[in-house]
Structures are given as structure tokens and as C-alpha cells.
Amino acid sequence: MQEVYQEGETRICLIYDIVMGGVANDRVFDTMELYFENLISRTEAIGRLAMEKPNMQICFRRQEICWRNIWFL
């Protein structure tokens, strides 16, 4: 854990070597844009989003982590 001080406030930033999480694809962004512009209803947006498969992304923040944890057969 690393503390970052800015203008009298303490902000805590967690530093990780590997970050994993979901990533939205273009169809998700397109659906959200249509919804926020009131071009489709909430029901339509939810229906479209329910059909999308989740995309997972893994981010290795340091090259050393790749060298230690990834092997090719």
C-alpha cells in the first residue's frame, strides 16, 4: 500500500502487480450510448446487455511478473 498526499488530503493507492477484471466491448459502449441519448428504452438496453458475454482482461504491470509466472510449452 502506498500513501499519496495531495492538498492536505490523504489518498491511499493500492499497488498491484497483476490486475484482472471485466472489459466492455464496442457493443456494450454502443448500447450505453443509445440508452443515454434516449434512443432505446431501459428494457431494450438491458435486453441487449444481457446477451453479451463477459470479456476478462489480465494486466501484468511489471515485466518481471511475466518472466516469473508465464511459461510456454
PDB file of N, CA and C in Angstrom:
ATOM      1  N   MET A   1       0.852  -1.181   0.000  1.00  0.00           N
ATOM      2  CA  MET A   1       0.000   0.000   0.000  1.00  0.00           C
ATOM      3  C   MET A   1       0.891   1.236   0.000  1.00  0.00           C
ATOM      4  N   GLN A   2       0.483   2.235  -0.721  1.00  0.00           N
ATOM      5  CA  GLN A   2       1.253   3.458  -0.830  1.00  0.00           C
ATOM      6  C   GLN A   2       0.331   4.630  -0.511  1.00  0.00           C
ATOM      7  N   GLU A   3       0.805   5.538   0.324  1.00  0.00           N
ATOM      8  CA  GLU A   3       0.009   6.731   0.633  1.00  0.00           C
ATOM      9  C   GLU A   3       0.431   7.867  -0.280  1.00  0.00           C
ATOM     10  N   VAL A   4      -0.546   8.563  -0.827  1.00  0.00           N
ATOM     11  CA  VAL A   4      -0.288   9.702  -1.691  1.00  0.00           C
ATOM     12  C   VAL A   4      -0.932  10.909  -1.040  1.00  0.00           C
ATOM     13  N   TYR A   5      -0.163  11.968  -0.839  1.00  0.00           N
ATOM     14  CA  TYR A   5      -0.675  13.174  -0.208  1.00  0.00           C
ATOM     15  C   TYR A   5      -0.910  14.242  -1.268  1.00  0.00           C
ATOM     16  N   GLN A   6      -2.100  14.852  -1.217  1.00  0.00           N
ATOM     17  CA  GLN A   6      -2.421  15.880  -2.196  1.00  0.00           C
ATOM     18  C   GLN A   6      -3.281  16.941  -1.534  1.00  0.00           C
ATOM     19  N   GLU A   7      -2.805  18.163  -1.499  1.00  0.00           N
ATOM     20  CA  GLU A   7      -3.528  19.319  -0.970  1.00  0.00           C
ATOM     21  C   GLU A   7      -4.154  19.036   0.392  1.00  0.00           C
ATOM     22  N   GLY A   8      -3.362  18.498   1.323  1.00  0.00           N
ATOM     23  CA  GLY A   8      -3.827  18.281   2.678  1.00  0.00           C
ATOM     24  C   GLY A   8      -4.664  17.032   2.876  1.00  0.00           C
ATOM     25  N   GLU A   9      -5.008  16.330   1.820  1.00  0.00           N
ATOM     26  CA  GLU A   9      -5.787  15.099   1.937  1.00  0.00           C
ATOM     27  C   GLU A   9      -4.871  13.892   1.845  1.00  0.00           C
ATOM     28  N   THR A  10      -5.261  12.821   2.477  1.00  0.00           N
ATOM     29  CA  THR A  10      -4.547  11.562   2.333  1.00  0.00           C
ATOM     30  C   THR A  10      -5.360  10.666   1.428  1.00  0.00           C
ATOM     31  N   ARG A  11      -4.756  10.263   0.332  1.00  0.00           N
ATOM     32  CA  ARG A  11      -5.401   9.332  -0.584  1.00  0.00           C
ATOM     33  C   ARG A  11      -4.565   8.063  -0.588  1.00  0.00           C
ATOM     34  N   ILE A  12      -5.198   6.955  -0.429  1.00  0.00           N
ATOM     35  CA  ILE A  12      -4.485   5.685  -0.382  1.00  0.00           C
ATOM     36  C   ILE A  12      -4.636   4.991  -1.728  1.00  0.00           C
ATOM     37  N   CYS A  13      -3.513   4.643  -2.323  1.00  0.00           N
ATOM     38  CA  CYS A  13      -3.498   3.937  -3.600  1.00  0.00           C
ATOM     39  C   CYS A  13      -2.948   2.541  -3.362  1.00  0.00           C
ATOM     40  N   LEU A  14      -3.648   1.537  -3.840  1.00  0.00           N
ATOM     41  CA  LEU A  14      -3.157   0.170  -3.742  1.00  0.00           C
ATOM     42  C   LEU A  14      -2.388  -0.162  -5.009  1.00  0.00           C
ATOM     43  N   ILE A  15      -1.209  -0.710  -4.844  1.00  0.00           N
ATOM     44  CA  ILE A  15      -0.350  -1.053  -5.966  1.00  0.00           C
ATOM     45  C   ILE A  15      -0.343  -2.569  -6.117  1.00  0.00           C
ATOM     46  N   TYR A  16      -0.749  -3.059  -7.272  1.00  0.00           N
ATOM     47  CA  TYR A  16      -0.782  -4.491  -7.553  1.00  0.00           C
ATOM     48  C   TYR A  16       0.086  -4.784  -8.766  1.00  0.00           C
ATOM     49  N   ASP A  17       0.689  -5.979  -8.784  1.00  0.00           N
ATOM     50  CA  ASP A  17       1.486  -6.410  -9.929  1.00  0.00           C
ATOM     51  C   ASP A  17       0.607  -6.981 -11.031  1.00  0.00           C
ATOM     52  N   ILE A  18      -0.503  -7.613 -10.661  1.00  0.00           N
ATOM     53  CA  ILE A  18      -1.419  -8.211 -11.627  1.00  0.00           C
ATOM     54  C   ILE A  18      -2.826  -7.694 -11.327  1.00  0.00           C
ATOM     55  N   VAL A  19      -3.484  -7.177 -12.358  1.00  0.00           N
ATOM     56  CA  VAL A  19      -4.845  -6.677 -12.209  1.00  0.00           C
ATOM     57  C   VAL A  19      -5.714  -7.437 -13.204  1.00  0.00           C
ATOM     58  N   MET A  20      -6.855  -7.954 -12.729  1.00  0.00           N
ATOM     59  CA  MET A  20      -7.743  -8.724 -13.588  1.00  0.00           C
ATOM     60  C   MET A  20      -9.163  -8.187 -13.442  1.00  0.00           C
ATOM     61  N   GLY A  21      -9.861  -8.073 -14.547  1.00  0.00           N
ATOM     62  CA  GLY A  21     -11.226  -7.591 -14.456  1.00  0.00           C
ATOM     63  C   GLY A  21     -11.932  -7.599 -15.792  1.00  0.00           C
ATOM     64  N   GLY A  22     -13.196  -7.291 -15.757  1.00  0.00           N
ATOM     65  CA  GLY A  22     -14.009  -7.274 -16.955  1.00  0.00           C
ATOM     66  C   GLY A  22     -13.749  -6.057 -17.814  1.00  0.00           C
ATOM     67  N   VAL A  23     -13.923  -6.236 -19.114  1.00  0.00           N
ATOM     68  CA  VAL A  23     -13.727  -5.167 -20.085  1.00  0.00           C
ATOM     69  C   VAL A  23     -14.946  -5.126 -20.990  1.00  0.00           C
ATOM     70  N   ALA A  24     -15.494  -3.948 -21.186  1.00  0.00           N
ATOM     71  CA  ALA A  24     -16.652  -3.797 -22.065  1.00  0.00           C
ATOM     72  C   ALA A  24     -16.187  -3.748 -23.521  1.00  0.00           C
ATOM     73  N   ASN A  25     -16.938  -4.405 -24.394  1.00  0.00           N
ATOM     74  CA  ASN A  25     -16.596  -4.346 -25.818  1.00  0.00           C
ATOM     75  C   ASN A  25     -17.379  -3.217 -26.492  1.00  0.00           C
ATOM     76  N   ASP A  26     -17.192  -3.057 -27.787  1.00  0.00           N
ATOM     77  CA  ASP A  26     -17.832  -1.960 -28.514  1.00  0.00           C
ATOM     78  C   ASP A  26     -19.353  -2.029 -28.484  1.00  0.00           C
ATOM     79  N   ARG A  27     -19.911  -3.242 -28.502  1.00  0.00           N
ATOM     80  CA  ARG A  27     -21.374  -3.368 -28.471  1.00  0.00           C
ATOM     81  C   ARG A  27     -21.947  -2.851 -27.152  1.00  0.00           C
ATOM     82  N   VAL A  28     -21.224  -3.068 -26.058  1.00  0.00           N
ATOM     83  CA  VAL A  28     -21.680  -2.549 -24.756  1.00  0.00           C
ATOM     84  C   VAL A  28     -21.665  -1.031 -24.775  1.00  0.00           C
ATOM     85  N   PHE A  29     -20.570  -0.451 -25.265  1.00  0.00           N
ATOM     86  CA  PHE A  29     -20.490   1.009 -25.345  1.00  0.00           C
ATOM     87  C   PHE A  29     -21.571   1.573 -26.261  1.00  0.00           C
ATOM     88  N   ASP A  30     -21.815   0.920 -27.392  1.00  0.00           N
ATOM     89  CA  ASP A  30     -22.853   1.383 -28.314  1.00  0.00           C
ATOM     90  C   ASP A  30     -24.224   1.356 -27.650  1.00  0.00           C
ATOM     91  N   THR A  31     -24.523   0.275 -26.940  1.00  0.00           N
ATOM     92  CA  THR A  31     -25.813   0.158 -26.249  1.00  0.00           C
ATOM     93  C   THR A  31     -25.968   1.246 -25.200  1.00  0.00           C
ATOM     94  N   MET A  32     -24.922   1.478 -24.414  1.00  0.00           N
ATOM     95  CA  MET A  32     -24.997   2.514 -23.376  1.00  0.00           C
ATOM     96  C   MET A  32     -25.181   3.897 -23.991  1.00  0.00           C
ATOM     97  N   GLU A  33     -24.502   4.149 -25.091  1.00  0.00           N
ATOM     98  CA  GLU A  33     -24.643   5.441 -25.755  1.00  0.00           C
ATOM     99  C   GLU A  33     -26.081   5.646 -26.254  1.00  0.00           C
ATOM    100  N   LEU A  34     -26.651   4.617 -26.876  1.00  0.00           N
ATOM    101  CA  LEU A  34     -28.037   4.709 -27.339  1.00  0.00           C
ATOM    102  C   LEU A  34     -28.999   4.960 -26.178  1.00  0.00           C
ATOM    103  N   TYR A  35     -28.761   4.281 -25.061  1.00  0.00           N
ATOM    104  CA  TYR A  35     -29.627   4.447 -23.893  1.00  0.00           C
ATOM    105  C   TYR A  35     -29.514   5.873 -23.330  1.00  0.00           C
ATOM    106  N   PHE A  36     -28.289   6.367 -23.141  1.00  0.00           N
ATOM    107  CA  PHE A  36     -28.108   7.697 -22.559  1.00  0.00           C
ATOM    108  C   PHE A  36     -28.609   8.813 -23.476  1.00  0.00           C
ATOM    109  N   GLU A  37     -28.675   8.543 -24.774  1.00  0.00           N
ATOM    110  CA  GLU A  37     -29.228   9.526 -25.704  1.00  0.00           C
ATOM    111  C   GLU A  37     -30.739   9.337 -25.895  1.00  0.00           C
ATOM    112  N   ASN A  38     -31.327   8.465 -25.053  1.00  0.00           N
ATOM    113  CA  ASN A  38     -32.774   8.184 -25.095  1.00  0.00           C
ATOM    114  C   ASN A  38     -33.248   7.670 -26.455  1.00  0.00           C
ATOM    115  N   LEU A  39     -32.397   6.924 -27.144  1.00  0.00           N
ATOM    116  CA  LEU A  39     -32.774   6.334 -28.421  1.00  0.00           C
ATOM    117  C   LEU A  39     -33.319   4.921 -28.259  1.00  0.00           C
ATOM    118  N   ILE A  40     -33.037   4.285 -27.115  1.00  0.00           N
ATOM    119  CA  ILE A  40     -33.627   2.991 -26.778  1.00  0.00           C
ATOM    120  C   ILE A  40     -34.074   3.041 -25.326  1.00  0.00           C
ATOM    121  N   SER A  41     -35.023   2.187 -24.989  1.00  0.00           N
ATOM    122  CA  SER A  41     -35.559   2.161 -23.624  1.00  0.00           C
ATOM    123  C   SER A  41     -34.616   1.406 -22.686  1.00  0.00           C
ATOM    124  N   ARG A  42     -34.886   1.547 -21.414  1.00  0.00           N
ATOM    125  CA  ARG A  42     -34.102   0.812 -20.408  1.00  0.00           C
ATOM    126  C   ARG A  42     -34.260  -0.694 -20.621  1.00  0.00           C
ATOM    127  N   THR A  43     -35.479  -1.126 -20.904  1.00  0.00           N
ATOM    128  CA  THR A  43     -35.748  -2.543 -21.132  1.00  0.00           C
ATOM    129  C   THR A  43     -34.959  -3.060 -22.332  1.00  0.00           C
ATOM    130  N   GLU A  44     -34.937  -2.286 -23.396  1.00  0.00           N
ATOM    131  CA  GLU A  44     -34.173  -2.667 -24.597  1.00  0.00           C
ATOM    132  C   GLU A  44     -32.674  -2.741 -24.282  1.00  0.00           C
ATOM    133  N   ALA A  45     -32.174  -1.763 -23.549  1.00  0.00           N
ATOM    134  CA  ALA A  45     -30.745  -1.752 -23.199  1.00  0.00           C
ATOM    135  C   ALA A  45     -30.382  -2.970 -22.354  1.00  0.00           C
ATOM    136  N   ILE A  46     -31.197  -3.272 -21.358  1.00  0.00           N
ATOM    137  CA  ILE A  46     -30.931  -4.433 -20.501  1.00  0.00           C
ATOM    138  C   ILE A  46     -30.988  -5.716 -21.316  1.00  0.00           C
ATOM    139  N   GLY A  47     -31.939  -5.805 -22.229  1.00  0.00           N
ATOM    140  CA  GLY A  47     -32.037  -6.979 -23.090  1.00  0.00           C
ATOM    141  C   GLY A  47     -30.800  -7.169 -23.955  1.00  0.00           C
ATOM    142  N   ARG A  48     -30.291  -6.075 -24.507  1.00  0.00           N
ATOM    143  CA  ARG A  48     -29.080  -6.155 -25.319  1.00  0.00           C
ATOM    144  C   ARG A  48     -27.867  -6.529 -24.472  1.00  0.00           C
ATOM    145  N   LEU A  49     -27.750  -5.906 -23.310  1.00  0.00           N
ATOM    146  CA  LEU A  49     -26.593  -6.167 -22.456  1.00  0.00           C
ATOM    147  C   LEU A  49     -26.606  -7.587 -21.895  1.00  0.00           C
ATOM    148  N   ALA A  50     -27.782  -8.136 -21.676  1.00  0.00           N
ATOM    149  CA  ALA A  50     -27.882  -9.495 -21.136  1.00  0.00           C
ATOM    150  C   ALA A  50     -27.328 -10.526 -22.116  1.00  0.00           C
ATOM    151  N   MET A  51     -27.321 -10.204 -23.396  1.00  0.00           N
ATOM    152  CA  MET A  51     -26.832 -11.137 -24.413  1.00  0.00           C
ATOM    153  C   MET A  51     -25.309 -11.116 -24.576  1.00  0.00           C
ATOM    154  N   GLU A  52     -24.654 -10.128 -23.993  1.00  0.00           N
ATOM    155  CA  GLU A  52     -23.202 -10.001 -24.139  1.00  0.00           C
ATOM    156  C   GLU A  52     -22.476 -10.954 -23.201  1.00  0.00           C
ATOM    157  N   LYS A  53     -21.452 -11.601 -23.716  1.00  0.00           N
ATOM    158  CA  LYS A  53     -20.614 -12.472 -22.889  1.00  0.00           C
ATOM    159  C   LYS A  53     -19.529 -11.622 -22.242  1.00  0.00           C
ATOM    160  N   PRO A  54     -19.200 -11.917 -20.985  1.00  0.00           N
ATOM    161  CA  PRO A  54     -18.167 -11.110 -20.312  1.00  0.00           C
ATOM    162  C   PRO A  54     -16.789 -11.339 -20.931  1.00  0.00           C
ATOM    163  N   ASN A  55     -16.035 -10.279 -21.031  1.00  0.00           N
ATOM    164  CA  ASN A  55     -14.652 -10.333 -21.500  1.00  0.00           C
ATOM    165  C   ASN A  55     -13.746 -10.059 -20.305  1.00  0.00           C
ATOM    166  N   MET A  56     -12.806 -10.937 -20.079  1.00  0.00           N
ATOM    167  CA  MET A  56     -11.877 -10.745 -18.966  1.00  0.00           C
ATOM    168  C   MET A  56     -10.519 -10.314 -19.510  1.00  0.00           C
ATOM    169  N   GLN A  57      -9.886  -9.402 -18.795  1.00  0.00           N
ATOM    170  CA  GLN A  57      -8.569  -8.911 -19.164  1.00  0.00           C
ATOM    171  C   GLN A  57      -7.627  -9.090 -17.989  1.00  0.00           C
ATOM    172  N   ILE A  58      -6.401  -9.484 -18.283  1.00  0.00           N
ATOM    173  CA  ILE A  58      -5.369  -9.580 -17.247  1.00  0.00           C
ATOM    174  C   ILE A  58      -4.261  -8.615 -17.625  1.00  0.00           C
ATOM    175  N   CYS A  59      -3.896  -7.748 -16.700  1.00  0.00           N
ATOM    176  CA  CYS A  59      -2.850  -6.764 -16.937  1.00  0.00           C
ATOM    177  C   CYS A  59      -1.669  -7.064 -16.012  1.00  0.00           C
ATOM    178  N   PHE A  60      -0.519  -7.369 -16.604  1.00  0.00           N
ATOM    179  CA  PHE A  60       0.719  -7.543 -15.841  1.00  0.00           C
ATOM    180  C   PHE A  60       1.432  -6.202 -15.848  1.00  0.00           C
ATOM    181  N   ARG A  61       1.589  -5.607 -14.687  1.00  0.00           N
ATOM    182  CA  ARG A  61       2.108  -4.250 -14.612  1.00  0.00           C
ATOM    183  C   ARG A  61       3.628  -4.172 -14.615  1.00  0.00           C
ATOM    184  N   ARG A  62       4.303  -5.293 -14.403  1.00  0.00           N
ATOM    185  CA  ARG A  62       5.767  -5.305 -14.432  1.00  0.00           C
ATOM    186  C   ARG A  62       6.240  -6.496 -15.253  1.00  0.00           C
ATOM    187  N   GLN A  63       7.237  -6.286 -16.092  1.00  0.00           N
ATOM    188  CA  GLN A  63       7.773  -7.353 -16.936  1.00  0.00           C
ATOM    189  C   GLN A  63       8.271  -8.524 -16.100  1.00  0.00           C
ATOM    190  N   GLU A  64       8.857  -8.252 -14.955  1.00  0.00           N
ATOM    191  CA  GLU A  64       9.382  -9.309 -14.070  1.00  0.00           C
ATOM    192  C   GLU A  64       8.301 -10.316 -13.701  1.00  0.00           C
ATOM    193  N   ILE A  65       7.088  -9.854 -13.497  1.00  0.00           N
ATOM    194  CA  ILE A  65       5.978 -10.735 -13.146  1.00  0.00           C
ATOM    195  C   ILE A  65       5.700 -11.700 -14.290  1.00  0.00           C
ATOM    196  N   CYS A  66       5.768 -11.220 -15.516  1.00  0.00           N
ATOM    197  CA  CYS A  66       5.575 -12.098 -16.681  1.00  0.00           C
ATOM    198  C   CYS A  66       6.666 -13.163 -16.715  1.00  0.00           C
ATOM    199  N   TRP A  67       7.911 -12.754 -16.558  1.00  0.00           N
ATOM    200  CA  TRP A  67       9.024 -13.703 -16.621  1.00  0.00           C
ATOM    201  C   TRP A  67       8.905 -14.784 -15.548  1.00  0.00           C
ATOM    202  N   ARG A  68       8.399 -14.419 -14.370  1.00  0.00           N
ATOM    203  CA  ARG A  68       8.297 -15.396 -13.272  1.00  0.00           C
ATOM    204  C   ARG A  68       7.066 -16.270 -13.361  1.00  0.00           C
ATOM    205  N   ASN A  69       6.006 -15.820 -14.010  1.00  0.00           N
ATOM    206  CA  ASN A  69       4.731 -16.518 -13.936  1.00  0.00           C
ATOM    207  C   ASN A  69       4.165 -17.059 -15.227  1.00  0.00           C
ATOM    208  N   ILE A  70       4.778 -16.787 -16.355  1.00  0.00           N
ATOM    209  CA  ILE A  70       4.257 -17.277 -17.631  1.00  0.00           C
ATOM    210  C   ILE A  70       5.281 -18.204 -18.255  1.00  0.00           C
ATOM    211  N   TRP A  71       4.822 -19.406 -18.583  1.00  0.00           N
ATOM    212  CA  TRP A  71       5.690 -20.393 -19.226  1.00  0.00           C
ATOM    213  C   TRP A  71       5.035 -20.823 -20.530  1.00  0.00           C
ATOM    214  N   PHE A  72       5.835 -21.031 -21.544  1.00  0.00           N
ATOM    215  CA  PHE A  72       5.353 -21.521 -22.832  1.00  0.00           C
ATOM    216  C   PHE A  72       5.812 -22.954 -22.998  1.00  0.00           C
ATOM    217  N   LEU A  73       4.899 -23.819 -23.395  1.00  0.00           N
ATOM    218  CA  LEU A  73       5.240 -25.225 -23.593  1.00  0.00           C
ATOM    219  C   LEU A  73       5.683 -25.489 -25.003  1.00  0.00           C
TER     220      LEU A  73
END
